[in-house]
Structures are given as C-alpha cells and as structure tokens.
C-alpha cells in the first residue's frame, strides 16, 4: 500500500522538483470551504487562499459543478476558433469593470506583459519610436519574468538576473514631485491599488487621482496591476473602483477562476484597436474550462462582495483591540490585510501560526499577510483570530 506522508513528499520534491520555493512543513491533501487538511488529517484554517487564488474557498459545490460540466464537454479549443464561455466571461468582466475589451492569459506576469505591450504599441503608433518607458513604484511587484521583474520596484528580486528588460523606472509612491519629474520618454504609469508583496500598503486616493490627472495631461497611459487587488479582494470588483479613478488598462489573475490558472487584461475604449492579429497570443488563454470556472466564481462572489469591506475592517479592529505585545498595527483594504509584527521575523511568526493550524502569508519586511477566501464566515474568522491571538501572546520568536 502506497502511503503518502510529509516525509515521503519532501523526499520526492527534493529529488525531482527544483528548489525555487522555501516550502513550509505541511502537505495538503484536500480542502473544504475555508479549511485545509494535510496528509495526516490535521485541520487548518486558511487565511491565505493560495496567495489570493482560492477566492471562493475549496470544493464550493457550484464551482465544482461548473468545472465538471465543462470538463465533460470541451476543456480546450484553440484561440483560432470561438467558444461561448470566453465570450460570456469577456462581456461579464467588461460590464463589471467599465472596460471595453478583454484578453485572456494564464497568470499575472503574462497579464502584465500584455499590458506593457499595449502601452508601448499605443505610444509608438501615435508618437513614433523612443517614447516607451513605463514608470512603476518602488515597493511594487509585477511578476517573475525578466520583463515583469524589471517593472518590479524591489531590487532584491533583480539580483543575479541582470540584464533585465530595459525601459522601466521606479518612483516613490506618494511623491508627486517625482511623478512630475518623469522624463519625456515615458509612455505609461503602472500602479497597484494596494502594494501586496511590498507589504500590503494601500495607495492614497488623493495621490492616485493626481497620477491620473498627470497621465491625462501628458497622454501617458494609466495602468493598474489588479492581479492581487482584483476580483473582489478590496471590497470592489477591482481596486481602482474604490479610488475614484479610471485606468486605461488593467491586469487581473489570481482569484478570477477560483483555483484554476487564469489571468488577463482589460482595456478601455481608446485602446480596443491597439493590438491586432499576430500582436499577442496565449495558447491556453481563455480556455473553456478556465472561463467556466471564472464565470462560476463571479456568480458566487456576487453574494460575498457586499460584505468584504466590513469583514476586513472587523478583522483589523479585532486584532488591534487585542493589545498584543508583538503586533505594531494593521493596514490594508478589504480582505487584503497586513499585520505589522515585532519580536521576530514575520516568517518565524508565520511558521508558529502554521504549527498551530492557521495558514497565513508574509509581505514586505515586517508584515504577516491575510488573504482569506472572500466567502469566509464569522465562525472561521473567530477561529482564525483565536489561533492568531494565542500564538502572538506566546512570546518572541527571537
């Protein structure tokens, strides 16, 4: 009899999978709702949702039914042909965002690469060559490909991978003078409504509106990276909708298909005609299977979305009211929450939480990060916070 254990899985990984992740000591076998179960049957409350991917939790019956039905009908078809799920999803996303056209890919990095291509082609078609620089913010994170690494405003991700793709520069968030000082070869500015990997730092609405105004004045495209903030995470379908701005294009991924690999980007009416046949492609992008999963995910989230802001504010308020000695404060927007911790590295605290049965994340240099499934209910929130309080009262990890 073949018995899978954490030890046997770790040995297989060590033998056959490249060591590109600092994996933690848990081997998950199944999930239900907001709970995960490892190969030994131990239960965990999930406050990470697979880094924001499992937006409707695990094994949601409506999601499972939609995926199973589509898998039994048509899982994949080349983008040289038409399929109903892709058409329905594109129309739905345009209606929810106010955008005018969609492109489907497989990941957040792919989505951002596509947005960069749109920005550069738009600028070259209108102004000629030499106006192709894209400005992003320090502390940002836009992906792991060479081009999205170049866009990422964190030097720690650049080491040992140079030369990166040229044509990107980084300015401090909130610094209007730096924005006005951008050179004449800029064609676009990309923002994350909340800097997730950078530490869960929300951008201020006033600053973002000034960015938008300068983009309109100088004909720079305003781009929003909504890979982590999109699909309901901040209490709106997309993070920009809570800031009172309208981007020219936005990327999305993570929570869109409820656990299946999907990403893409949306463009406004002015950019609908920029990309033409042959300019961009993704073999697996917009597969009927992933589109069916995404449509089911959106249906489920329609009921959850009105409570996301309230849940996030309640979680933060309850953490701050605990008076924990190793918690310096909270930040975030919606169910994208950063908890600033002291008395040890965030990764050490995170390991203690995992051992106690709570799955969380880290972000930036000082924060634990909570990205629970958007369907999380009061019972799971209460249980998660009870574990969190007990671990954080247990003393320093140092």
Protein backbone atom coordinates (compact mmCIF):
# COMPACT_ATOMS: atom_id res chain seq x y z
CA UNK A 1 0.00 0.00 0.00
CA UNK A 2 1.34 3.42 -1.01
CA UNK A 3 1.09 5.75 1.99
CA UNK A 4 1.86 9.43 1.34
CA UNK A 5 3.42 11.32 4.23
CA UNK A 6 5.04 14.72 4.56
CA UNK A 7 8.41 12.95 4.76
CA UNK A 8 7.92 10.98 1.55
CA UNK A 9 6.62 14.03 -0.32
CA UNK A 10 9.57 16.14 0.79
CA UNK A 11 11.92 13.44 -0.44
CA UNK A 12 10.20 13.35 -3.83
CA UNK A 13 10.31 17.11 -4.12
CA UNK A 14 13.98 17.17 -3.20
CA UNK A 15 14.71 14.53 -5.82
CA UNK A 16 12.66 15.87 -8.74
CA UNK A 17 11.46 19.46 -8.25
CA UNK A 18 13.78 22.45 -8.50
CA UNK A 19 14.25 24.19 -5.12
CA UNK A 20 12.75 27.54 -6.13
CA UNK A 21 10.44 27.80 -3.12
CA UNK A 22 11.15 27.83 0.62
CA UNK A 23 8.35 25.37 1.28
CA UNK A 24 6.82 25.06 4.71
CA UNK A 25 6.19 21.86 6.64
CA UNK A 26 2.69 20.97 5.54
CA UNK A 27 1.43 18.69 2.76
CA UNK A 28 -2.18 19.47 1.93
CA UNK A 29 -4.43 16.74 0.60
CA UNK A 30 -7.86 18.38 0.41
CA UNK A 31 -9.88 21.44 1.31
CA UNK A 32 -13.50 22.27 2.13
CA UNK A 33 -14.77 25.82 2.45
CA UNK A 34 -12.07 27.77 4.30
CA UNK A 35 -10.45 24.70 5.87
CA UNK A 36 -7.48 22.68 4.63
CA UNK A 37 -6.48 19.16 5.65
CA UNK A 38 -2.99 17.71 5.39
CA UNK A 39 -1.98 14.14 4.56
CA UNK A 40 -2.16 13.26 8.26
CA UNK A 41 -5.69 14.65 8.59
CA UNK A 42 -4.71 17.75 10.57
CA UNK A 43 -7.10 20.67 10.03
CA UNK A 44 -6.02 24.22 9.22
CA UNK A 45 -7.95 27.47 8.80
CA UNK A 46 -6.88 29.08 5.55
CA UNK A 47 -6.19 32.81 5.71
CA UNK A 48 -4.05 32.76 2.55
CA UNK A 49 -6.34 31.26 -0.14
CA UNK A 50 -3.33 30.01 -2.09
CA UNK A 51 -1.90 33.57 -2.22
CA UNK A 52 -5.26 35.08 -3.12
CA UNK A 53 -6.27 32.45 -5.68
CA UNK A 54 -8.96 30.39 -3.93
CA UNK A 55 -11.36 33.29 -3.66
CA UNK A 56 -14.40 31.05 -3.22
CA UNK A 57 -12.63 28.63 -0.88
CA UNK A 58 -12.26 24.92 -1.55
CA UNK A 59 -14.67 22.50 -3.23
CA UNK A 60 -17.51 25.01 -3.48
CA UNK A 61 -20.32 22.90 -4.96
CA UNK A 62 -21.33 25.45 -7.60
CA UNK A 63 -17.72 25.85 -8.75
CA UNK A 64 -17.13 22.09 -8.79
CA UNK A 65 -20.30 21.52 -10.82
CA UNK A 66 -19.38 24.17 -13.39
CA UNK A 67 -15.84 22.83 -13.84
CA UNK A 68 -17.01 19.23 -14.07
CA UNK A 69 -19.69 20.07 -16.63
CA UNK A 70 -17.26 22.00 -18.82
CA UNK A 71 -14.54 19.34 -18.49
CA UNK A 72 -17.03 16.80 -19.76
CA UNK A 73 -17.93 18.96 -22.74
CA UNK A 74 -14.90 20.91 -24.00
CA UNK A 75 -11.81 21.67 -21.91
CA UNK A 76 -9.69 23.42 -24.53
CA UNK A 77 -10.03 24.86 -28.01
CA UNK A 78 -7.51 26.90 -29.93
CA UNK A 79 -7.98 30.66 -29.93
CA UNK A 80 -8.25 30.35 -33.71
CA UNK A 81 -11.91 29.50 -33.01
CA UNK A 82 -14.82 30.82 -30.93
CA UNK A 83 -16.17 29.39 -27.67
CA UNK A 84 -19.16 30.51 -25.62
CA UNK A 85 -17.50 30.59 -22.15
CA UNK A 86 -14.81 33.04 -23.30
CA UNK A 87 -17.37 35.35 -24.91
CA UNK A 88 -19.57 35.32 -21.83
CA UNK A 89 -16.66 35.95 -19.46
CA UNK A 90 -15.28 38.84 -21.52
CA UNK A 91 -18.69 40.51 -21.60
CA UNK A 92 -19.14 39.99 -17.86
CA UNK A 93 -15.72 41.42 -16.94
CA UNK A 94 -16.21 44.45 -19.17
CA UNK A 95 -19.58 45.12 -17.54
CA UNK A 96 -18.13 44.79 -14.02
CA UNK A 97 -15.11 47.00 -14.72
CA UNK A 98 -16.42 49.55 -17.21
CA UNK A 99 -13.69 48.48 -19.64
CA UNK A 100 -14.26 47.74 -23.33
CA UNK A 101 -12.21 44.69 -24.27
CA UNK A 102 -10.52 41.65 -22.74
CA UNK A 103 -7.53 39.40 -23.41
CA UNK A 104 -7.16 36.10 -21.56
CA UNK A 105 -3.86 34.59 -20.44
CA UNK A 106 -2.72 32.20 -17.70
CA UNK A 107 -1.00 34.23 -14.97
CA UNK A 108 -0.43 37.67 -13.52
CA UNK A 109 3.01 38.03 -15.08
CA UNK A 110 1.59 37.21 -18.52
CA UNK A 111 -1.21 39.69 -17.94
CA UNK A 112 1.23 42.47 -17.09
CA UNK A 113 3.44 41.64 -20.07
CA UNK A 114 0.40 42.07 -22.30
CA UNK A 115 -0.48 45.43 -20.76
CA UNK A 116 3.09 46.64 -21.33
CA UNK A 117 2.86 45.65 -25.00
CA UNK A 118 -0.40 47.58 -25.36
CA UNK A 119 1.18 50.69 -23.81
CA UNK A 120 4.27 50.59 -26.00
CA UNK A 121 2.42 49.92 -29.23
CA UNK A 122 -0.07 52.69 -28.48
CA UNK A 123 2.74 55.16 -27.87
CA UNK A 124 4.83 54.17 -30.88
CA UNK A 125 1.83 54.25 -33.20
CA UNK A 126 0.95 57.77 -32.05
CA UNK A 127 4.35 59.34 -31.32
CA UNK A 128 6.93 57.18 -33.06
CA UNK A 129 9.88 55.32 -31.58
CA UNK A 130 11.69 56.45 -28.44
CA UNK A 131 8.70 57.00 -26.15
CA UNK A 132 8.49 53.61 -24.44
CA UNK A 133 9.50 53.94 -20.76
CA UNK A 134 6.99 52.67 -18.21
CA UNK A 135 7.12 54.09 -14.69
CA UNK A 136 6.19 51.94 -11.69
CA UNK A 137 6.50 52.48 -7.94
CA UNK A 138 9.22 51.44 -5.54
CA UNK A 139 7.90 48.61 -3.41
CA UNK A 140 5.81 47.29 -6.29
CA UNK A 141 5.65 43.71 -7.50
CA UNK A 142 4.57 42.85 -11.05
CA UNK A 143 5.81 39.32 -11.72
CA UNK A 144 8.75 36.94 -12.13
CA UNK A 145 9.51 37.07 -15.86
CA UNK A 146 12.50 39.17 -16.89
CA UNK A 147 10.25 41.98 -18.08
CA UNK A 148 7.93 42.00 -15.07
CA UNK A 149 10.98 41.79 -12.80
CA UNK A 150 12.27 44.93 -14.49
CA UNK A 151 8.92 46.57 -13.75
CA UNK A 152 9.03 45.45 -10.11
CA UNK A 153 10.33 48.21 -7.85
CA UNK A 154 12.20 45.95 -5.42
CA UNK A 155 15.91 45.42 -6.02
CA UNK A 156 16.01 42.16 -4.06
CA UNK A 157 14.16 40.44 -6.91
CA UNK A 158 16.62 41.70 -9.53
CA UNK A 159 19.83 40.20 -8.18
CA UNK A 160 21.59 37.64 -10.39
CA UNK A 161 19.11 38.03 -13.25
CA UNK A 162 20.58 41.06 -14.99
CA UNK A 163 20.39 42.36 -17.61
CA UNK A 164 16.67 42.85 -17.21
CA UNK A 165 14.41 44.18 -19.93
CA UNK A 166 15.12 47.90 -20.41
CA UNK A 167 12.51 50.63 -20.43
CA UNK A 168 11.33 50.79 -16.81
CA UNK A 169 11.97 53.23 -13.98
CA UNK A 170 10.70 53.39 -10.42
CA UNK A 171 9.48 56.34 -8.37
CA UNK A 172 8.48 56.51 -4.68
CA UNK A 173 4.73 56.11 -4.01
CA UNK A 174 3.07 59.30 -2.89
CA UNK A 175 5.86 61.51 -4.25
CA UNK A 176 4.18 63.98 -6.61
CA UNK A 177 7.44 65.79 -7.36
CA UNK A 178 9.00 62.54 -8.59
CA UNK A 179 5.96 62.00 -10.77
CA UNK A 180 6.24 65.46 -12.35
CA UNK A 181 9.97 64.91 -12.90
CA UNK A 182 9.49 61.83 -15.08
CA UNK A 183 11.36 62.15 -18.40
CA UNK A 184 9.86 62.78 -21.79
CA UNK A 185 10.22 59.20 -22.99
CA UNK A 186 7.58 57.89 -20.56
CA UNK A 187 4.52 56.31 -22.16
CA UNK A 188 2.70 54.88 -19.13
CA UNK A 189 2.49 54.66 -15.34
CA UNK A 190 1.52 51.41 -13.59
CA UNK A 191 0.09 51.29 -10.06
CA UNK A 192 -1.10 48.58 -7.68
CA UNK A 193 -4.09 49.96 -5.70
CA UNK A 194 -2.57 48.11 -2.74
CA UNK A 195 1.07 47.03 -2.85
CA UNK A 196 0.69 43.39 -1.84
CA UNK A 197 4.08 41.70 -1.96
CA UNK A 198 5.66 45.01 -0.98
CA UNK A 199 3.99 44.91 2.44
CA UNK A 200 0.21 45.45 1.99
CA UNK A 201 0.48 49.22 1.58
CA UNK A 202 -2.68 50.87 0.19
CA UNK A 203 -2.15 53.85 -2.10
CA UNK A 204 -3.91 57.03 -1.02
CA UNK A 205 -6.83 58.08 -3.22
CA UNK A 206 -5.58 61.67 -3.40
CA UNK A 207 -2.22 60.60 -4.76
CA UNK A 208 -3.73 58.19 -7.26
CA UNK A 209 -6.07 60.91 -8.56
CA UNK A 210 -3.08 63.19 -9.10
CA UNK A 211 -1.36 60.41 -11.03
CA UNK A 212 -4.46 60.05 -13.18
CA UNK A 213 -4.63 63.79 -13.83
CA UNK A 214 -1.00 63.98 -14.93
CA UNK A 215 -1.43 60.92 -17.14
CA UNK A 216 -4.32 62.66 -18.92
CA UNK A 217 -2.31 65.88 -19.26
CA UNK A 218 0.76 64.17 -20.76
CA UNK A 219 -1.04 61.36 -22.60
CA UNK A 220 0.58 58.66 -20.52
CA UNK A 221 -1.50 55.55 -20.18
CA UNK A 222 -2.65 54.83 -16.63
CA UNK A 223 -2.26 51.11 -15.94
CA UNK A 224 -3.49 49.24 -12.87
CA UNK A 225 -1.97 45.95 -11.75
CA UNK A 226 -5.03 44.26 -10.24
CA UNK A 227 -3.51 40.78 -10.07
CA UNK A 228 -3.92 40.67 -6.29
CA UNK A 229 -6.38 43.52 -5.69
CA UNK A 230 -8.90 42.49 -8.36
CA UNK A 231 -11.92 40.19 -8.37
CA UNK A 232 -13.38 41.46 -5.12
CA UNK A 233 -10.33 41.36 -2.86
CA UNK A 234 -10.57 45.01 -1.74
CA UNK A 235 -14.38 45.13 -1.50
CA UNK A 236 -14.89 46.24 -5.09
CA UNK A 237 -14.68 44.12 -8.21
CA UNK A 238 -11.42 45.95 -8.93
CA UNK A 239 -9.30 48.01 -6.58
CA UNK A 240 -9.34 51.12 -8.78
CA UNK A 241 -13.10 51.39 -8.27
CA UNK A 242 -12.56 52.29 -4.62
CA UNK A 243 -10.13 55.07 -5.53
CA UNK A 244 -12.30 57.13 -7.87
CA UNK A 245 -10.12 56.71 -10.97
CA UNK A 246 -10.48 55.06 -14.36
CA UNK A 247 -7.39 53.32 -15.77
CA UNK A 248 -6.75 52.88 -19.47
CA UNK A 249 -5.93 49.21 -18.90
CA UNK A 250 -5.71 46.77 -16.02
CA UNK A 251 -4.34 43.30 -15.42
CA UNK A 252 -6.02 40.55 -13.41
CA UNK A 253 -5.30 36.95 -12.36
CA UNK A 254 -5.19 35.07 -9.02
CA UNK A 255 -8.82 34.89 -7.81
CA UNK A 256 -10.55 35.08 -11.19
CA UNK A 257 -11.04 31.34 -11.75
CA UNK A 258 -11.32 30.20 -8.14
CA UNK A 259 -8.25 27.97 -8.25
CA UNK A 260 -7.56 27.28 -11.93
CA UNK A 261 -4.66 29.12 -13.64
CA UNK A 262 -6.03 32.18 -15.38
CA UNK A 263 -5.10 35.80 -15.94
CA UNK A 264 -5.65 38.52 -18.48
CA UNK A 265 -6.11 42.20 -19.05
CA UNK A 266 -8.89 44.65 -19.83
CA UNK A 267 -8.60 47.83 -21.90
CA UNK A 268 -10.73 50.93 -22.23
CA UNK A 269 -12.44 52.00 -25.43
CA UNK A 270 -9.46 54.07 -26.56
CA UNK A 271 -7.19 51.01 -26.60
CA UNK A 272 -9.54 48.45 -28.16
CA UNK A 273 -7.86 48.64 -31.56
CA UNK A 274 -4.22 48.74 -30.47
CA UNK A 275 -3.47 45.02 -30.67
CA UNK A 276 -4.28 43.35 -33.98
CA UNK A 277 -3.96 39.72 -35.19
CA UNK A 278 -0.43 38.47 -34.65
CA UNK A 279 0.49 41.06 -31.99
CA UNK A 280 -0.19 38.90 -28.94
CA UNK A 281 -1.28 35.36 -28.09
CA UNK A 282 -1.55 32.72 -25.35
CA UNK A 283 -2.13 29.11 -26.31
CA UNK A 284 -4.02 28.22 -23.14
CA UNK A 285 -5.50 31.69 -22.59
CA UNK A 286 -9.29 31.77 -22.32
CA UNK A 287 -9.75 28.00 -22.34
CA UNK A 288 -13.41 26.97 -21.99
CA UNK A 289 -12.54 25.16 -18.74
CA UNK A 290 -10.96 28.18 -17.05
CA UNK A 291 -13.63 30.54 -18.37
CA UNK A 292 -16.39 28.30 -17.00
CA UNK A 293 -14.59 28.28 -13.63
CA UNK A 294 -14.32 32.07 -13.74
CA UNK A 295 -17.99 32.54 -14.55
CA UNK A 296 -18.93 30.32 -11.61
CA UNK A 297 -16.51 32.22 -9.38
CA UNK A 298 -18.08 35.56 -10.30
CA UNK A 299 -21.56 34.17 -9.64
CA UNK A 300 -20.51 33.02 -6.16
CA UNK A 301 -18.70 36.27 -5.36
CA UNK A 302 -21.73 38.41 -6.20
CA UNK A 303 -23.17 37.31 -2.87
CA UNK A 304 -19.92 37.75 -0.96
CA UNK A 305 -18.75 41.09 -2.34
CA UNK A 306 -21.04 43.37 -0.28
CA UNK A 307 -19.50 42.07 2.97
CA UNK A 308 -15.80 42.11 2.05
CA UNK A 309 -15.06 45.63 3.34
CA UNK A 310 -16.99 45.01 6.54
CA UNK A 311 -15.18 41.71 7.20
CA UNK A 312 -11.79 43.26 6.58
CA UNK A 313 -12.44 46.22 8.85
CA UNK A 314 -13.78 43.91 11.58
CA UNK A 315 -10.72 41.63 11.43
CA UNK A 316 -8.34 44.58 11.68
CA UNK A 317 -10.31 46.18 14.51
CA UNK A 318 -10.37 42.94 16.49
CA UNK A 319 -6.63 42.40 16.05
CA UNK A 320 -5.85 45.94 17.17
CA UNK A 321 -8.19 45.61 20.16
CA UNK A 322 -6.28 42.54 21.39
CA UNK A 323 -3.41 44.68 22.64
CA UNK A 324 -0.87 42.08 21.56
CA UNK A 325 2.73 42.81 22.58
CA UNK A 326 4.18 41.71 19.24
CA UNK A 327 1.70 43.50 16.96
CA UNK A 328 2.55 47.07 15.97
CA UNK A 329 -0.59 47.71 13.89
CA UNK A 330 -2.59 46.69 10.86
CA UNK A 331 -3.12 48.05 7.37
CA UNK A 332 -4.85 47.08 4.17
CA UNK A 333 -8.12 47.31 2.30
CA UNK A 334 -10.95 44.79 2.31
CA UNK A 335 -9.76 41.22 2.81
CA UNK A 336 -6.18 42.16 1.95
CA UNK A 337 -4.72 42.68 5.41
CA UNK A 338 -1.21 43.33 6.65
CA UNK A 339 -0.30 42.90 10.33
CA UNK A 340 2.96 44.56 11.37
CA UNK A 341 4.78 42.26 13.80
CA UNK A 342 7.74 42.66 16.13
CA UNK A 343 9.70 40.31 18.38
CA UNK A 344 10.89 38.16 15.48
CA UNK A 345 10.84 37.81 11.73
CA UNK A 346 7.41 37.59 10.07
CA UNK A 347 8.42 34.22 8.60
CA UNK A 348 9.11 32.86 12.10
CA UNK A 349 5.72 34.01 13.35
CA UNK A 350 4.16 32.52 10.23
CA UNK A 351 5.71 29.14 10.98
CA UNK A 352 4.29 29.27 14.51
CA UNK A 353 0.84 30.04 13.11
CA UNK A 354 1.07 27.11 10.69
CA UNK A 355 2.06 24.77 13.50
CA UNK A 356 -1.00 25.97 15.43
CA UNK A 357 -3.30 25.35 12.45
CA UNK A 358 -3.52 28.76 10.75
CA UNK A 359 -2.28 29.27 7.18
CA UNK A 360 -1.11 32.84 6.56
CA UNK A 361 1.46 34.69 4.44
CA UNK A 362 4.16 37.31 4.86
CA UNK A 363 4.70 40.54 2.96
CA UNK A 364 7.45 43.16 2.83
CA UNK A 365 9.88 43.34 5.72
CA UNK A 366 7.59 43.44 8.75
CA UNK A 367 4.17 42.02 7.98
CA UNK A 368 2.06 38.94 8.23
CA UNK A 369 -0.48 38.96 5.42
CA UNK A 370 -4.05 37.63 5.48
CA UNK A 371 -5.80 36.94 2.17
CA UNK A 372 -8.67 34.67 3.24
CA UNK A 373 -11.25 33.29 0.82
CA UNK A 374 -13.77 36.04 0.18
CA UNK A 375 -16.59 33.75 1.30
CA UNK A 376 -15.13 33.38 4.81
CA UNK A 377 -17.78 33.44 7.52
CA UNK A 378 -17.84 34.60 11.12
CA UNK A 379 -17.13 31.16 12.53
CA UNK A 380 -13.91 30.75 10.57
CA UNK A 381 -12.87 34.34 11.29
CA UNK A 382 -13.39 33.82 15.02
CA UNK A 383 -11.46 30.54 14.98
CA UNK A 384 -8.60 32.06 12.96
CA UNK A 385 -8.27 35.06 15.26
CA UNK A 386 -8.32 32.84 18.34
CA UNK A 387 -5.32 30.93 16.98
CA UNK A 388 -3.62 34.17 16.00
CA UNK A 389 -4.07 35.70 19.45
CA UNK A 390 -2.85 32.60 21.24
CA UNK A 391 0.31 32.36 19.11
CA UNK A 392 1.10 36.07 19.30
CA UNK A 393 0.73 36.08 23.09
CA UNK A 394 3.18 33.22 23.30
CA UNK A 395 6.23 35.46 23.33
CA UNK A 396 9.01 36.46 20.98
CA UNK A 397 10.40 34.12 18.30
CA UNK A 398 13.86 35.56 18.84
